Amino acid sequence: MLKGTVKFRARIVDSNRGLTIPENCEFVPKTRGVGKVGIICQDGKEILITVHFSAAESKEAAIAVATQIQNSSLDRISFERVVAIVNGRADPALFPVDAQRNVLSIDVGDYVYTGNNAKLSTSLTCGHLNEILERPAPQAREDYYGFVRSALLSTSPVEEFMHLYNILLMLFGDAQTCLDKFIVEQNSAVEQTKQPPIKRRRRPKLKQKIIYETVYTRLRDELGHKRVGVNLDATKAEMRQHLNELIDVVKRAIERSNL
């Protein structure tokens, strides 16, 4: 059996959003062999996560468990604080225990440091962090937390917008009308426009129902489908303008869904 720690240094890569965790916060996950997990981020650039093992069958097993804890923790923090965070690399310091004499044998682990310039914006207290990490949630919702973190790690605002809208499509079964209905229920003042008529090769005289779409659906379809008279540069600029609003919509949709 092994005792010791597995550490991760997760980079905050968002240039517009950031956070600090000034105190060394600890929580106890419901994971066999894990005594506690410590999390701290004092410089606004890296989140240091330390997983303490009281008993691990092997180095590989400990790293696998610790990695899952890191991923889940960062997914929740990223979702809650809307900040882009990259997973850290495992830095194990695990020591075999002589069961007869209770003596530790020292081994050497890797040490990895990666720097990054991130903009400081908000701070998390231990109480708030523990509430975020210990809040019960079904596995399906945990998956969506990860989808949001992946979206926040996009390389451009347009990619992030399309990624976030795709999350909404997954939540509403690819039904844009249901998606827009939810958005309007949340914000009746949201911008809406008439959806352009769909060209049909058959039955051209069939009268089409007028459908209104929210600004988020309009922008997504302007980029994803061929629409007459669309200026894609203007569409991309609008996506950047409405990005923060869309993030809020996605978070509310996940929190209110029956996942």
C-alpha atoms as a PDB file:
ATOM      1  CA  MET A   1       0.000   0.000   0.000  1.00  0.00           C
ATOM      2  CA  LEU A   2       1.030   3.596  -0.608  1.00  0.00           C
ATOM      3  CA  LYS A   3       0.582   6.833   1.288  1.00  0.00           C
ATOM      4  CA  GLY A   4       1.259  10.373   0.179  1.00  0.00           C
ATOM      5  CA  THR A   5      -0.042  12.964  -2.250  1.00  0.00           C
ATOM      6  CA  VAL A   6      -0.703  13.635  -5.904  1.00  0.00           C
ATOM      7  CA  LYS A   7      -0.483  17.318  -6.827  1.00  0.00           C
ATOM      8  CA  PHE A   8      -1.693  19.241  -9.850  1.00  0.00           C
ATOM      9  CA  ARG A   9      -0.971  22.783 -11.010  1.00  0.00           C
ATOM     10  CA  ALA A  10      -3.921  23.779 -13.208  1.00  0.00           C
ATOM     11  CA  ARG A  11      -3.433  26.910 -15.320  1.00  0.00           C
ATOM     12  CA  ILE A  12      -5.979  29.693 -15.548  1.00  0.00           C
ATOM     13  CA  VAL A  13      -5.766  30.670 -19.217  1.00  0.00           C
ATOM     14  CA  ASP A  14      -8.613  33.170 -19.529  1.00  0.00           C
ATOM     15  CA  SER A  15      -7.355  36.688 -20.260  1.00  0.00           C
ATOM     16  CA  ASN A  16     -10.666  38.318 -19.324  1.00  0.00           C
ATOM     17  CA  ARG A  17     -11.874  36.269 -16.369  1.00  0.00           C
ATOM     18  CA  GLY A  18      -9.956  34.902 -13.410  1.00  0.00           C
ATOM     19  CA  LEU A  19     -10.136  34.046  -9.724  1.00  0.00           C
ATOM     20  CA  THR A  20      -8.117  33.571  -6.567  1.00  0.00           C
ATOM     21  CA  ILE A  21      -8.519  31.146  -3.668  1.00  0.00           C
ATOM     22  CA  PRO A  22      -6.380  32.956  -1.084  1.00  0.00           C
ATOM     23  CA  GLU A  23      -6.656  30.327   1.666  1.00  0.00           C
ATOM     24  CA  ASN A  24      -5.713  26.663   1.536  1.00  0.00           C
ATOM     25  CA  CYS A  25      -9.207  25.151   1.361  1.00  0.00           C
ATOM     26  CA  GLU A  26      -9.820  21.496   2.148  1.00  0.00           C
ATOM     27  CA  PHE A  27     -12.697  19.106   1.520  1.00  0.00           C
ATOM     28  CA  VAL A  28     -13.153  15.366   1.981  1.00  0.00           C
ATOM     29  CA  PRO A  29     -14.451  13.536  -1.113  1.00  0.00           C
ATOM     30  CA  LYS A  30     -16.404  10.317  -0.816  1.00  0.00           C
ATOM     31  CA  THR A  31     -13.558   8.352  -2.385  1.00  0.00           C
ATOM     32  CA  ARG A  32     -12.022   5.303  -0.758  1.00  0.00           C
ATOM     33  CA  GLY A  33      -8.414   5.812   0.262  1.00  0.00           C
ATOM     34  CA  VAL A  34      -8.497   9.606  -0.053  1.00  0.00           C
ATOM     35  CA  GLY A  35      -8.117  11.476   3.231  1.00  0.00           C
ATOM     36  CA  LYS A  36      -8.644  15.033   1.966  1.00  0.00           C
ATOM     37  CA  VAL A  37      -8.134  17.386  -0.954  1.00  0.00           C
ATOM     38  CA  GLY A  38      -6.499  20.805  -0.645  1.00  0.00           C
ATOM     39  CA  ILE A  39      -7.080  23.631  -3.155  1.00  0.00           C
ATOM     40  CA  ILE A  40      -5.431  27.057  -3.289  1.00  0.00           C
ATOM     41  CA  CYS A  41      -4.827  29.765  -5.905  1.00  0.00           C
ATOM     42  CA  GLN A  42      -3.032  32.816  -4.542  1.00  0.00           C
ATOM     43  CA  ASP A  43      -1.574  34.353  -7.706  1.00  0.00           C
ATOM     44  CA  GLY A  44      -4.609  34.133  -9.979  1.00  0.00           C
ATOM     45  CA  LYS A  45      -2.562  32.103 -12.462  1.00  0.00           C
ATOM     46  CA  GLU A  46      -2.500  28.548 -11.126  1.00  0.00           C
ATOM     47  CA  ILE A  47      -4.798  26.444  -8.999  1.00  0.00           C
ATOM     48  CA  LEU A  48      -2.801  24.037  -6.841  1.00  0.00           C
ATOM     49  CA  ILE A  49      -4.736  20.857  -6.059  1.00  0.00           C
ATOM     50  CA  THR A  50      -3.282  18.358  -3.579  1.00  0.00           C
ATOM     51  CA  VAL A  51      -4.970  14.972  -3.181  1.00  0.00           C
ATOM     52  CA  HIS A  52      -3.920  13.255   0.070  1.00  0.00           C
ATOM     53  CA  PHE A  53      -3.997   9.449   0.062  1.00  0.00           C
ATOM     54  CA  SER A  54      -4.226   7.414   3.232  1.00  0.00           C
ATOM     55  CA  ALA A  55      -4.138   4.184   1.218  1.00  0.00           C
ATOM     56  CA  ALA A  56      -3.555   3.527  -2.477  1.00  0.00           C
ATOM     57  CA  GLU A  57      -2.977   0.162  -4.138  1.00  0.00           C
ATOM     58  CA  SER A  58      -0.502   1.531  -6.665  1.00  0.00           C
ATOM     59  CA  LYS A  59       0.944   4.729  -8.089  1.00  0.00           C
ATOM     60  CA  GLU A  60      -1.101   4.308 -11.272  1.00  0.00           C
ATOM     61  CA  ALA A  61      -4.338   3.786  -9.339  1.00  0.00           C
ATOM     62  CA  ALA A  62      -3.677   6.835  -7.168  1.00  0.00           C
ATOM     63  CA  ILE A  63      -2.983   9.042 -10.196  1.00  0.00           C
ATOM     64  CA  ALA A  64      -6.181   7.843 -11.885  1.00  0.00           C
ATOM     65  CA  VAL A  65      -8.288   8.631  -8.815  1.00  0.00           C
ATOM     66  CA  ALA A  66      -6.574  11.976  -8.242  1.00  0.00           C
ATOM     67  CA  THR A  67      -7.016  12.955 -11.894  1.00  0.00           C
ATOM     68  CA  GLN A  68     -10.740  12.260 -11.690  1.00  0.00           C
ATOM     69  CA  ILE A  69     -10.961  14.421  -8.564  1.00  0.00           C
ATOM     70  CA  GLN A  70      -9.019  17.209 -10.298  1.00  0.00           C
ATOM     71  CA  ASN A  71     -11.239  17.095 -13.395  1.00  0.00           C
ATOM     72  CA  SER A  72     -14.469  17.126 -11.422  1.00  0.00           C
ATOM     73  CA  SER A  73     -13.280  19.953  -9.154  1.00  0.00           C
ATOM     74  CA  LEU A  74     -12.104  22.134 -12.024  1.00  0.00           C
ATOM     75  CA  ASP A  75     -15.285  21.477 -14.021  1.00  0.00           C
ATOM     76  CA  ARG A  76     -17.385  22.753 -11.125  1.00  0.00           C
ATOM     77  CA  ILE A  77     -15.160  25.758 -10.409  1.00  0.00           C
ATOM     78  CA  SER A  78     -15.067  26.690 -14.077  1.00  0.00           C
ATOM     79  CA  PHE A  79     -18.847  26.358 -14.381  1.00  0.00           C
ATOM     80  CA  GLU A  80     -19.557  28.368 -11.243  1.00  0.00           C
ATOM     81  CA  ARG A  81     -17.063  31.209 -11.830  1.00  0.00           C
ATOM     82  CA  VAL A  82     -17.035  31.165 -15.664  1.00  0.00           C
ATOM     83  CA  VAL A  83     -13.272  30.907 -15.994  1.00  0.00           C
ATOM     84  CA  ALA A  84     -11.151  28.856 -18.408  1.00  0.00           C
ATOM     85  CA  ILE A  85      -8.864  26.365 -16.637  1.00  0.00           C
ATOM     86  CA  VAL A  86      -6.515  23.787 -18.149  1.00  0.00           C
ATOM     87  CA  ASN A  87      -5.934  20.467 -16.368  1.00  0.00           C
ATOM     88  CA  GLY A  88      -2.650  20.131 -14.519  1.00  0.00           C
ATOM     89  CA  ARG A  89      -0.165  17.282 -14.842  1.00  0.00           C
ATOM     90  CA  ALA A  90       0.009  14.760 -12.002  1.00  0.00           C
ATOM     91  CA  ASP A  91       2.936  15.214  -9.593  1.00  0.00           C
ATOM     92  CA  PRO A  92       2.931  12.093  -7.370  1.00  0.00           C
ATOM     93  CA  ALA A  93       4.733  11.801  -4.062  1.00  0.00           C
ATOM     94  CA  LEU A  94       3.661   8.352  -2.863  1.00  0.00           C
ATOM     95  CA  PHE A  95       5.576   6.179  -0.396  1.00  0.00           C
ATOM     96  CA  PRO A  96       5.288   2.443   0.318  1.00  0.00           C
ATOM     97  CA  VAL A  97       4.359   1.634   3.895  1.00  0.00           C
ATOM     98  CA  ASP A  98       5.903  -1.286   5.751  1.00  0.00           C
ATOM     99  CA  ALA A  99       2.810  -2.744   7.392  1.00  0.00           C
ATOM    100  CA  GLN A 100       4.845  -4.506  10.076  1.00  0.00           C
ATOM    101  CA  ARG A 101       6.804  -1.484  11.265  1.00  0.00           C
ATOM    102  CA  ASN A 102       4.651   1.340   9.846  1.00  0.00           C
ATOM    103  CA  VAL A 103       7.714   2.872   8.152  1.00  0.00           C
ATOM    104  CA  LEU A 104       7.604   4.967   4.989  1.00  0.00           C
ATOM    105  CA  SER A 105      10.041   4.328   2.148  1.00  0.00           C
ATOM    106  CA  ILE A 106      10.796   7.571   0.276  1.00  0.00           C
ATOM    107  CA  ASP A 107      10.354   7.753  -3.494  1.00  0.00           C
ATOM    108  CA  VAL A 108      10.863  10.696  -5.855  1.00  0.00           C
ATOM    109  CA  GLY A 109       8.075  12.190  -7.947  1.00  0.00           C
ATOM    110  CA  ASP A 110       7.979  14.660 -10.831  1.00  0.00           C
ATOM    111  CA  TYR A 111       7.642  18.400 -10.287  1.00  0.00           C
ATOM    112  CA  VAL A 112       6.035  20.435 -13.021  1.00  0.00           C
ATOM    113  CA  TYR A 113       5.517  24.195 -13.070  1.00  0.00           C
ATOM    114  CA  THR A 114       3.820  26.074 -15.884  1.00  0.00           C
ATOM    115  CA  GLY A 115       3.483  29.849 -15.782  1.00  0.00           C
ATOM    116  CA  ASN A 116       0.772  31.945 -17.386  1.00  0.00           C
ATOM    117  CA  ASN A 117      -0.418  35.538 -17.377  1.00  0.00           C
ATOM    118  CA  ALA A 118      -4.052  35.749 -16.325  1.00  0.00           C
ATOM    119  CA  LYS A 119      -6.206  38.683 -15.333  1.00  0.00           C
ATOM    120  CA  LEU A 120      -7.339  38.682 -11.703  1.00  0.00           C
ATOM    121  CA  SER A 121     -11.052  39.260 -11.238  1.00  0.00           C
ATOM    122  CA  THR A 122     -12.792  37.439  -8.369  1.00  0.00           C
ATOM    123  CA  SER A 123     -11.996  35.561  -5.174  1.00  0.00           C
ATOM    124  CA  LEU A 124     -13.410  32.355  -3.689  1.00  0.00           C
ATOM    125  CA  THR A 125     -13.698  31.735   0.040  1.00  0.00           C
ATOM    126  CA  CYS A 126     -13.283  28.235   1.449  1.00  0.00           C
ATOM    127  CA  GLY A 127     -16.928  28.166   2.466  1.00  0.00           C
ATOM    128  CA  HIS A 128     -18.118  28.971  -1.045  1.00  0.00           C
ATOM    129  CA  LEU A 129     -15.607  26.599  -2.635  1.00  0.00           C
ATOM    130  CA  ASN A 130     -16.699  23.718  -0.396  1.00  0.00           C
ATOM    131  CA  GLU A 131     -20.330  24.416  -1.277  1.00  0.00           C
ATOM    132  CA  ILE A 132     -19.453  24.234  -4.982  1.00  0.00           C
ATOM    133  CA  LEU A 133     -17.428  21.031  -4.715  1.00  0.00           C
ATOM    134  CA  GLU A 134     -19.608  19.145  -2.233  1.00  0.00           C
ATOM    135  CA  ARG A 135     -22.990  19.969  -3.800  1.00  0.00           C
ATOM    136  CA  PRO A 136     -24.698  16.709  -4.916  1.00  0.00           C
ATOM    137  CA  ALA A 137     -25.303  16.411  -8.645  1.00  0.00           C
ATOM    138  CA  PRO A 138     -26.200  13.544 -10.999  1.00  0.00           C
ATOM    139  CA  GLN A 139     -23.447  12.307 -13.311  1.00  0.00           C
ATOM    140  CA  ALA A 140     -25.205  13.729 -16.374  1.00  0.00           C
ATOM    141  CA  ARG A 141     -24.995  17.214 -14.911  1.00  0.00           C
ATOM    142  CA  GLU A 142     -21.349  16.667 -14.009  1.00  0.00           C
ATOM    143  CA  ASP A 143     -20.755  15.912 -17.690  1.00  0.00           C
ATOM    144  CA  TYR A 144     -22.320  19.236 -18.673  1.00  0.00           C
ATOM    145  CA  TYR A 145     -20.072  21.075 -16.223  1.00  0.00           C
ATOM    146  CA  GLY A 146     -17.191  19.600 -18.218  1.00  0.00           C
ATOM    147  CA  PHE A 147     -18.789  20.643 -21.519  1.00  0.00           C
ATOM    148  CA  VAL A 148     -18.959  24.241 -20.290  1.00  0.00           C
ATOM    149  CA  ARG A 149     -15.313  24.222 -19.205  1.00  0.00           C
ATOM    150  CA  SER A 150     -14.369  22.872 -22.618  1.00  0.00           C
ATOM    151  CA  ALA A 151     -16.340  25.695 -24.267  1.00  0.00           C
ATOM    152  CA  LEU A 152     -14.578  28.300 -22.127  1.00  0.00           C
ATOM    153  CA  LEU A 153     -11.246  26.925 -23.354  1.00  0.00           C
ATOM    154  CA  SER A 154     -12.146  27.764 -26.964  1.00  0.00           C
ATOM    155  CA  THR A 155      -9.555  29.625 -29.002  1.00  0.00           C
ATOM    156  CA  SER A 156     -11.927  32.405 -30.095  1.00  0.00           C
ATOM    157  CA  PRO A 157     -15.202  34.055 -28.989  1.00  0.00           C
ATOM    158  CA  VAL A 158     -16.967  32.707 -32.100  1.00  0.00           C
ATOM    159  CA  GLU A 159     -15.881  29.127 -31.367  1.00  0.00           C
ATOM    160  CA  GLU A 160     -16.973  29.583 -27.747  1.00  0.00           C
ATOM    161  CA  PHE A 161     -20.384  30.905 -28.845  1.00  0.00           C
ATOM    162  CA  MET A 162     -20.985  27.956 -31.185  1.00  0.00           C
ATOM    163  CA  HIS A 163     -19.794  25.474 -28.552  1.00  0.00           C
ATOM    164  CA  LEU A 164     -22.127  26.940 -25.922  1.00  0.00           C
ATOM    165  CA  TYR A 165     -25.086  26.934 -28.310  1.00  0.00           C
ATOM    166  CA  ASN A 166     -24.357  23.286 -29.092  1.00  0.00           C
ATOM    167  CA  ILE A 167     -24.656  22.531 -25.367  1.00  0.00           C
ATOM    168  CA  LEU A 168     -28.141  24.053 -25.467  1.00  0.00           C
ATOM    169  CA  LEU A 169     -29.032  21.881 -28.451  1.00  0.00           C
ATOM    170  CA  MET A 170     -27.935  18.794 -26.510  1.00  0.00           C
ATOM    171  CA  LEU A 171     -30.087  19.836 -23.554  1.00  0.00           C
ATOM    172  CA  PHE A 172     -33.155  20.421 -25.741  1.00  0.00           C
ATOM    173  CA  GLY A 173     -32.800  17.468 -28.091  1.00  0.00           C
ATOM    174  CA  ASP A 174     -31.759  19.566 -31.108  1.00  0.00           C
ATOM    175  CA  ALA A 175     -35.109  21.387 -30.981  1.00  0.00           C
ATOM    176  CA  GLN A 176     -34.412  25.080 -31.534  1.00  0.00           C
ATOM    177  CA  THR A 177     -38.044  26.050 -30.916  1.00  0.00           C
ATOM    178  CA  CYS A 178     -37.951  24.452 -27.454  1.00  0.00           C
ATOM    179  CA  LEU A 179     -34.592  26.036 -26.806  1.00  0.00           C
ATOM    180  CA  ASP A 180     -35.855  29.503 -27.741  1.00  0.00           C
ATOM    181  CA  LYS A 181     -39.023  28.994 -25.709  1.00  0.00           C
ATOM    182  CA  PHE A 182     -36.877  28.379 -22.624  1.00  0.00           C
ATOM    183  CA  ILE A 183     -34.792  31.491 -23.315  1.00  0.00           C
ATOM    184  CA  VAL A 184     -37.895  33.678 -23.676  1.00  0.00           C
ATOM    185  CA  GLU A 185     -39.320  32.243 -20.447  1.00  0.00           C
ATOM    186  CA  GLN A 186     -36.123  33.277 -18.697  1.00  0.00           C
ATOM    187  CA  ASN A 187     -35.943  36.706 -20.331  1.00  0.00           C
ATOM    188  CA  SER A 188     -39.045  38.046 -22.049  1.00  0.00           C
ATOM    189  CA  ALA A 189     -37.077  41.074 -23.267  1.00  0.00           C
ATOM    190  CA  VAL A 190     -34.600  38.994 -25.271  1.00  0.00           C
ATOM    191  CA  GLU A 191     -34.169  40.137 -28.873  1.00  0.00           C
ATOM    192  CA  GLN A 192     -36.321  38.129 -31.318  1.00  0.00           C
ATOM    193  CA  THR A 193     -36.635  38.260 -35.091  1.00  0.00           C
ATOM    194  CA  LYS A 194     -38.634  36.381 -37.725  1.00  0.00           C
ATOM    195  CA  GLN A 195     -36.919  33.272 -38.989  1.00  0.00           C
ATOM    196  CA  PRO A 196     -36.319  33.501 -42.767  1.00  0.00           C
ATOM    197  CA  PRO A 197     -38.638  31.229 -44.781  1.00  0.00           C
ATOM    198  CA  ILE A 198     -37.221  27.858 -45.727  1.00  0.00           C
ATOM    199  CA  LYS A 199     -36.956  27.224 -49.450  1.00  0.00           C
ATOM    200  CA  ARG A 200     -38.756  24.008 -50.406  1.00  0.00           C
ATOM    201  CA  ARG A 201     -38.316  22.205 -53.694  1.00  0.00           C
ATOM    202  CA  ARG A 202     -41.636  20.462 -53.327  1.00  0.00           C
ATOM    203  CA  ARG A 203     -45.025  21.996 -52.569  1.00  0.00           C
ATOM    204  CA  PRO A 204     -43.802  25.594 -53.098  1.00  0.00           C
ATOM    205  CA  LYS A 205     -47.281  27.007 -52.489  1.00  0.00           C
ATOM    206  CA  LEU A 206     -47.463  25.560 -48.974  1.00  0.00           C
ATOM    207  CA  LYS A 207     -47.895  28.390 -46.490  1.00  0.00           C
ATOM    208  CA  GLN A 208     -45.179  28.353 -43.863  1.00  0.00           C
ATOM    209  CA  LYS A 209     -45.752  29.183 -40.237  1.00  0.00           C
ATOM    210  CA  ILE A 210     -44.066  32.334 -38.991  1.00  0.00           C
ATOM    211  CA  ILE A 211     -41.416  31.420 -36.425  1.00  0.00           C
ATOM    212  CA  TYR A 212     -39.589  33.884 -34.210  1.00  0.00           C
ATOM    213  CA  GLU A 213     -36.059  33.094 -33.116  1.00  0.00           C
ATOM    214  CA  THR A 214     -33.927  34.582 -30.363  1.00  0.00           C
ATOM    215  CA  VAL A 215     -30.761  36.501 -31.130  1.00  0.00           C
ATOM    216  CA  TYR A 216     -28.666  33.488 -30.089  1.00  0.00           C
ATOM    217  CA  THR A 217     -30.408  31.163 -32.550  1.00  0.00           C
ATOM    218  CA  ARG A 218     -30.258  33.759 -35.308  1.00  0.00           C
ATOM    219  CA  LEU A 219     -26.516  34.229 -34.889  1.00  0.00           C
ATOM    220  CA  ARG A 220     -25.855  30.503 -34.702  1.00  0.00           C
ATOM    221  CA  ASP A 221     -27.867  29.857 -37.878  1.00  0.00           C
ATOM    222  CA  GLU A 222     -26.317  32.777 -39.742  1.00  0.00           C
ATOM    223  CA  LEU A 223     -22.926  31.149 -39.252  1.00  0.00           C
ATOM    224  CA  GLY A 224     -24.071  27.535 -39.547  1.00  0.00           C
ATOM    225  CA  HIS A 225     -26.452  27.843 -42.513  1.00  0.00           C
ATOM    226  CA  LYS A 226     -26.648  29.761 -45.766  1.00  0.00           C
ATOM    227  CA  ARG A 227     -28.810  32.860 -45.319  1.00  0.00           C
ATOM    228  CA  VAL A 228     -29.322  35.595 -47.860  1.00  0.00           C
ATOM    229  CA  GLY A 229     -27.867  39.021 -47.075  1.00  0.00           C
ATOM    230  CA  VAL A 230     -25.823  37.951 -44.062  1.00  0.00           C
ATOM    231  CA  ASN A 231     -22.553  39.728 -43.298  1.00  0.00           C
ATOM    232  CA  LEU A 232     -20.483  37.127 -41.468  1.00  0.00           C
ATOM    233  CA  ASP A 233     -18.110  39.724 -40.022  1.00  0.00           C
ATOM    234  CA  ALA A 234     -21.097  41.470 -38.440  1.00  0.00           C
ATOM    235  CA  THR A 235     -22.434  38.111 -37.214  1.00  0.00           C
ATOM    236  CA  LYS A 236     -19.115  37.293 -35.522  1.00  0.00           C
ATOM    237  CA  ALA A 237     -19.004  40.742 -33.906  1.00  0.00           C
ATOM    238  CA  GLU A 238     -22.524  40.201 -32.517  1.00  0.00           C
ATOM    239  CA  MET A 239     -21.500  36.805 -31.174  1.00  0.00           C
ATOM    240  CA  ARG A 240     -18.726  38.449 -29.170  1.00  0.00           C
ATOM    241  CA  GLN A 241     -21.205  41.052 -27.928  1.00  0.00           C
ATOM    242  CA  HIS A 242     -23.742  38.450 -26.707  1.00  0.00           C
ATOM    243  CA  LEU A 243     -21.274  35.849 -25.435  1.00  0.00           C
ATOM    244  CA  ASN A 244     -21.578  36.588 -21.710  1.00  0.00           C
ATOM    245  CA  GLU A 245     -25.383  36.545 -21.952  1.00  0.00           C
ATOM    246  CA  LEU A 246     -25.254  33.150 -23.679  1.00  0.00           C
ATOM    247  CA  ILE A 247     -23.035  31.748 -20.926  1.00  0.00           C
ATOM    248  CA  ASP A 248     -25.687  32.753 -18.366  1.00  0.00           C
ATOM    249  CA  VAL A 249     -28.404  31.106 -20.471  1.00  0.00           C
ATOM    250  CA  VAL A 250     -26.449  27.855 -20.693  1.00  0.00           C
ATOM    251  CA  LYS A 251     -25.775  27.790 -16.952  1.00  0.00           C
ATOM    252  CA  ARG A 252     -29.463  28.342 -16.150  1.00  0.00           C
ATOM    253  CA  ALA A 253     -30.487  25.633 -18.633  1.00  0.00           C
ATOM    254  CA  ILE A 254     -28.132  23.108 -17.007  1.00  0.00           C
ATOM    255  CA  GLU A 255     -29.171  24.018 -13.461  1.00  0.00           C
ATOM    256  CA  ARG A 256     -32.897  23.812 -14.293  1.00  0.00           C
ATOM    257  CA  SER A 257     -32.748  20.645 -16.397  1.00  0.00           C
ATOM    258  CA  ASN A 258     -33.859  17.234 -15.195  1.00  0.00           C
ATOM    259  CA  LEU A 259     -30.523  15.568 -15.889  1.00  0.00           C
END
